[in-house]
Amino acid sequence: MKHGHRIVEFKDFAGKSIQRFRFTNDEDFRAVSIDFTDGTVLNFQLELDLNARVELLTLKAGNITNVKRLRPAAVVRHRTSRKP
């Protein structure tokens, strides 16, 4: 079976400033979320098992160059106690 190559763009978000990029790979929930500085979020919920190799790349004169391989930091969620 031949798999096609597909690239998808979302031009509505061009020029927005990114505040945070998150990749969630929990047992029952997988998503990529891009938080913008204007308070909006672009969220991709993924329905597959995914392993990611993340690299910072540059594109100059049509050539892609690997700048470095990135190792993500785990996010530790802290519960806040609510005062009655």
N, C-alpha and C. Protein backbone atom coordinates (compact mmCIF):
# COMPACT_ATOMS: atom_id res chain seq x y z
N MET A 1 0.83 -1.17 0.00
CA MET A 1 0.00 0.00 0.00
C MET A 1 0.88 1.24 0.00
N LYS A 2 0.63 2.15 -0.91
CA LYS A 2 1.41 3.38 -1.02
C LYS A 2 0.75 4.49 -0.20
N HIS A 3 1.55 5.16 0.58
CA HIS A 3 1.04 6.27 1.39
C HIS A 3 1.41 7.58 0.72
N GLY A 4 0.45 8.47 0.61
CA GLY A 4 0.71 9.76 -0.01
C GLY A 4 1.36 10.74 0.94
N HIS A 5 1.97 11.73 0.38
CA HIS A 5 2.61 12.80 1.14
C HIS A 5 1.62 13.95 1.19
N ARG A 6 1.33 14.45 2.38
CA ARG A 6 0.34 15.51 2.51
C ARG A 6 0.82 16.56 3.50
N ILE A 7 0.77 17.79 3.07
CA ILE A 7 1.10 18.92 3.94
C ILE A 7 -0.14 19.79 4.03
N VAL A 8 -0.48 20.20 5.25
CA VAL A 8 -1.66 21.01 5.47
C VAL A 8 -1.22 22.33 6.08
N GLU A 9 -1.74 23.44 5.58
CA GLU A 9 -1.45 24.76 6.13
C GLU A 9 -2.72 25.40 6.63
N PHE A 10 -2.59 26.21 7.68
CA PHE A 10 -3.69 26.97 8.23
C PHE A 10 -3.31 28.44 8.16
N LYS A 11 -3.61 29.07 7.04
CA LYS A 11 -3.14 30.43 6.77
C LYS A 11 -3.82 31.48 7.65
N ASP A 12 -4.94 31.13 8.28
CA ASP A 12 -5.61 32.08 9.18
C ASP A 12 -4.73 32.45 10.37
N PHE A 13 -3.72 31.64 10.66
CA PHE A 13 -2.87 31.87 11.82
C PHE A 13 -1.53 32.49 11.48
N ALA A 14 -1.31 32.78 10.21
CA ALA A 14 -0.06 33.39 9.78
C ALA A 14 0.11 34.75 10.45
N GLY A 15 1.28 34.99 10.99
CA GLY A 15 1.58 36.28 11.62
C GLY A 15 1.23 36.36 13.09
N LYS A 16 0.51 35.37 13.64
CA LYS A 16 0.20 35.39 15.07
C LYS A 16 1.46 35.05 15.86
N SER A 17 1.58 35.63 17.03
CA SER A 17 2.71 35.35 17.91
C SER A 17 2.37 34.18 18.83
N ILE A 18 3.30 33.24 18.92
CA ILE A 18 3.09 32.06 19.74
C ILE A 18 3.61 32.31 21.15
N GLN A 19 2.75 32.01 22.12
CA GLN A 19 3.14 32.11 23.53
C GLN A 19 3.70 30.79 24.03
N ARG A 20 3.05 29.66 23.63
CA ARG A 20 3.47 28.35 24.11
C ARG A 20 3.05 27.29 23.11
N PHE A 21 3.88 26.26 22.98
CA PHE A 21 3.59 25.10 22.14
C PHE A 21 3.62 23.88 23.04
N ARG A 22 2.54 23.07 23.02
CA ARG A 22 2.47 21.90 23.89
C ARG A 22 2.14 20.65 23.09
N PHE A 23 2.79 19.56 23.43
CA PHE A 23 2.49 18.24 22.88
C PHE A 23 2.09 17.36 24.05
N THR A 24 0.87 16.83 24.02
CA THR A 24 0.36 15.97 25.09
C THR A 24 0.27 14.55 24.54
N ASN A 25 0.88 13.59 25.23
CA ASN A 25 0.85 12.20 24.80
C ASN A 25 0.49 11.33 26.00
N ASP A 26 -0.74 11.52 26.50
CA ASP A 26 -1.24 10.71 27.60
C ASP A 26 -1.82 9.41 27.05
N GLU A 27 -2.10 8.47 27.94
CA GLU A 27 -2.61 7.16 27.52
C GLU A 27 -3.91 7.27 26.72
N ASP A 28 -4.79 8.17 27.13
CA ASP A 28 -6.09 8.27 26.47
C ASP A 28 -6.33 9.60 25.75
N PHE A 29 -5.31 10.44 25.65
CA PHE A 29 -5.48 11.74 25.00
C PHE A 29 -4.16 12.19 24.41
N ARG A 30 -4.18 12.50 23.12
CA ARG A 30 -2.99 13.00 22.43
C ARG A 30 -3.36 14.27 21.69
N ALA A 31 -2.56 15.31 21.86
CA ALA A 31 -2.88 16.57 21.21
C ALA A 31 -1.64 17.43 21.04
N VAL A 32 -1.72 18.31 20.07
CA VAL A 32 -0.75 19.38 19.89
C VAL A 32 -1.53 20.68 20.05
N SER A 33 -1.09 21.53 20.96
CA SER A 33 -1.77 22.80 21.20
C SER A 33 -0.78 23.94 21.01
N ILE A 34 -1.22 24.95 20.29
CA ILE A 34 -0.42 26.15 20.08
C ILE A 34 -1.19 27.31 20.69
N ASP A 35 -0.67 27.87 21.77
CA ASP A 35 -1.29 29.01 22.45
C ASP A 35 -0.71 30.29 21.87
N PHE A 36 -1.59 31.20 21.45
CA PHE A 36 -1.14 32.46 20.89
C PHE A 36 -1.23 33.57 21.93
N THR A 37 -0.49 34.62 21.73
CA THR A 37 -0.45 35.72 22.70
C THR A 37 -1.77 36.48 22.78
N ASP A 38 -2.66 36.31 21.79
CA ASP A 38 -3.96 37.00 21.82
C ASP A 38 -5.02 36.21 22.57
N GLY A 39 -4.63 35.09 23.21
CA GLY A 39 -5.56 34.29 24.00
C GLY A 39 -6.25 33.17 23.24
N THR A 40 -5.99 33.03 21.94
CA THR A 40 -6.58 31.93 21.18
C THR A 40 -5.63 30.74 21.19
N VAL A 41 -6.21 29.54 20.93
CA VAL A 41 -5.43 28.30 20.93
C VAL A 41 -5.81 27.49 19.70
N LEU A 42 -4.81 27.00 18.98
CA LEU A 42 -5.02 26.06 17.88
C LEU A 42 -4.69 24.68 18.44
N ASN A 43 -5.68 23.78 18.42
CA ASN A 43 -5.53 22.48 19.06
C ASN A 43 -5.75 21.37 18.05
N PHE A 44 -4.84 20.42 17.99
CA PHE A 44 -4.95 19.24 17.15
C PHE A 44 -5.08 18.02 18.06
N GLN A 45 -6.23 17.36 18.06
CA GLN A 45 -6.38 16.12 18.82
C GLN A 45 -6.02 14.97 17.89
N LEU A 46 -5.09 14.13 18.33
CA LEU A 46 -4.56 13.06 17.51
C LEU A 46 -5.12 11.72 17.94
N GLU A 47 -5.50 10.90 16.98
CA GLU A 47 -6.06 9.60 17.27
C GLU A 47 -5.13 8.51 16.75
N LEU A 48 -3.92 8.48 17.31
CA LEU A 48 -2.93 7.49 16.93
C LEU A 48 -1.83 7.47 17.97
N ASP A 49 -1.02 6.43 17.92
CA ASP A 49 0.14 6.37 18.81
C ASP A 49 1.27 7.08 18.10
N LEU A 50 1.88 8.03 18.75
CA LEU A 50 2.82 8.90 18.09
C LEU A 50 4.12 9.00 18.87
N ASN A 51 5.20 8.81 18.18
CA ASN A 51 6.53 9.10 18.71
C ASN A 51 7.08 10.23 17.86
N ALA A 52 7.65 11.22 18.50
CA ALA A 52 8.11 12.39 17.75
C ALA A 52 9.60 12.62 17.95
N ARG A 53 10.26 12.94 16.87
CA ARG A 53 11.64 13.43 16.90
C ARG A 53 11.53 14.90 16.53
N VAL A 54 11.92 15.77 17.45
CA VAL A 54 11.73 17.20 17.27
C VAL A 54 13.08 17.85 16.97
N GLU A 55 13.10 18.61 15.89
CA GLU A 55 14.34 19.27 15.47
C GLU A 55 14.04 20.73 15.13
N LEU A 56 14.99 21.60 15.43
CA LEU A 56 14.93 22.99 15.01
C LEU A 56 15.67 23.06 13.68
N LEU A 57 14.98 23.54 12.64
CA LEU A 57 15.54 23.56 11.30
C LEU A 57 15.57 24.99 10.77
N THR A 58 16.46 25.23 9.81
CA THR A 58 16.45 26.48 9.06
C THR A 58 16.24 26.15 7.59
N LEU A 59 15.64 27.07 6.89
CA LEU A 59 15.41 26.91 5.46
C LEU A 59 16.02 28.12 4.76
N LYS A 60 17.10 27.88 4.02
CA LYS A 60 17.78 28.95 3.30
C LYS A 60 18.01 28.50 1.87
N ALA A 61 17.55 29.28 0.94
CA ALA A 61 17.74 29.01 -0.49
C ALA A 61 17.25 27.61 -0.87
N GLY A 62 16.17 27.18 -0.23
CA GLY A 62 15.59 25.88 -0.56
C GLY A 62 16.26 24.69 0.12
N ASN A 63 17.26 24.93 0.93
CA ASN A 63 17.97 23.85 1.63
C ASN A 63 17.57 23.83 3.10
N ILE A 64 17.24 22.66 3.60
CA ILE A 64 16.89 22.50 5.02
C ILE A 64 18.13 22.07 5.78
N THR A 65 18.43 22.81 6.85
CA THR A 65 19.59 22.51 7.68
C THR A 65 19.12 22.28 9.11
N ASN A 66 19.61 21.19 9.72
CA ASN A 66 19.28 20.87 11.10
C ASN A 66 20.13 21.75 12.01
N VAL A 67 19.47 22.56 12.83
CA VAL A 67 20.17 23.42 13.78
C VAL A 67 20.50 22.63 15.04
N LYS A 68 19.46 21.95 15.60
CA LYS A 68 19.70 21.09 16.75
C LYS A 68 18.47 20.24 17.01
N ARG A 69 18.69 19.14 17.69
CA ARG A 69 17.59 18.27 18.11
C ARG A 69 17.11 18.76 19.47
N LEU A 70 15.79 18.89 19.59
CA LEU A 70 15.21 19.42 20.83
C LEU A 70 14.71 18.29 21.71
N ARG A 71 14.90 18.44 22.99
CA ARG A 71 14.40 17.50 23.97
C ARG A 71 13.38 18.24 24.82
N PRO A 72 12.11 17.87 24.73
CA PRO A 72 11.08 18.59 25.45
C PRO A 72 11.18 18.39 26.96
N ALA A 73 10.74 19.38 27.69
CA ALA A 73 10.70 19.30 29.16
C ALA A 73 9.29 18.90 29.57
N ALA A 74 9.20 17.97 30.48
CA ALA A 74 7.90 17.54 30.98
C ALA A 74 7.26 18.66 31.80
N VAL A 75 5.95 18.79 31.67
CA VAL A 75 5.21 19.80 32.44
C VAL A 75 4.68 19.14 33.70
N VAL A 76 4.98 19.74 34.83
CA VAL A 76 4.51 19.23 36.11
C VAL A 76 3.32 20.08 36.52
N ARG A 77 2.19 19.42 36.68
CA ARG A 77 0.98 20.15 37.07
C ARG A 77 0.88 20.18 38.58
N HIS A 78 0.68 21.37 39.13
CA HIS A 78 0.53 21.55 40.56
C HIS A 78 -0.93 21.82 40.86
N ARG A 79 -1.44 21.12 41.84
CA ARG A 79 -2.81 21.39 42.27
C ARG A 79 -2.80 22.56 43.24
N THR A 80 -3.71 23.47 43.02
CA THR A 80 -3.82 24.59 43.94
C THR A 80 -4.97 24.33 44.90
N SER A 81 -4.74 24.65 46.15
CA SER A 81 -5.81 24.44 47.14
C SER A 81 -6.72 25.67 47.10
N ARG A 82 -8.00 25.39 47.12
CA ARG A 82 -8.99 26.47 47.13
C ARG A 82 -9.38 26.78 48.57
N LYS A 83 -9.42 28.04 48.88
CA LYS A 83 -9.82 28.47 50.21
C LYS A 83 -11.33 28.62 50.24
N PRO A 84 -12.00 28.09 51.27
CA PRO A 84 -13.47 28.20 51.35
C PRO A 84 -13.95 29.59 51.62
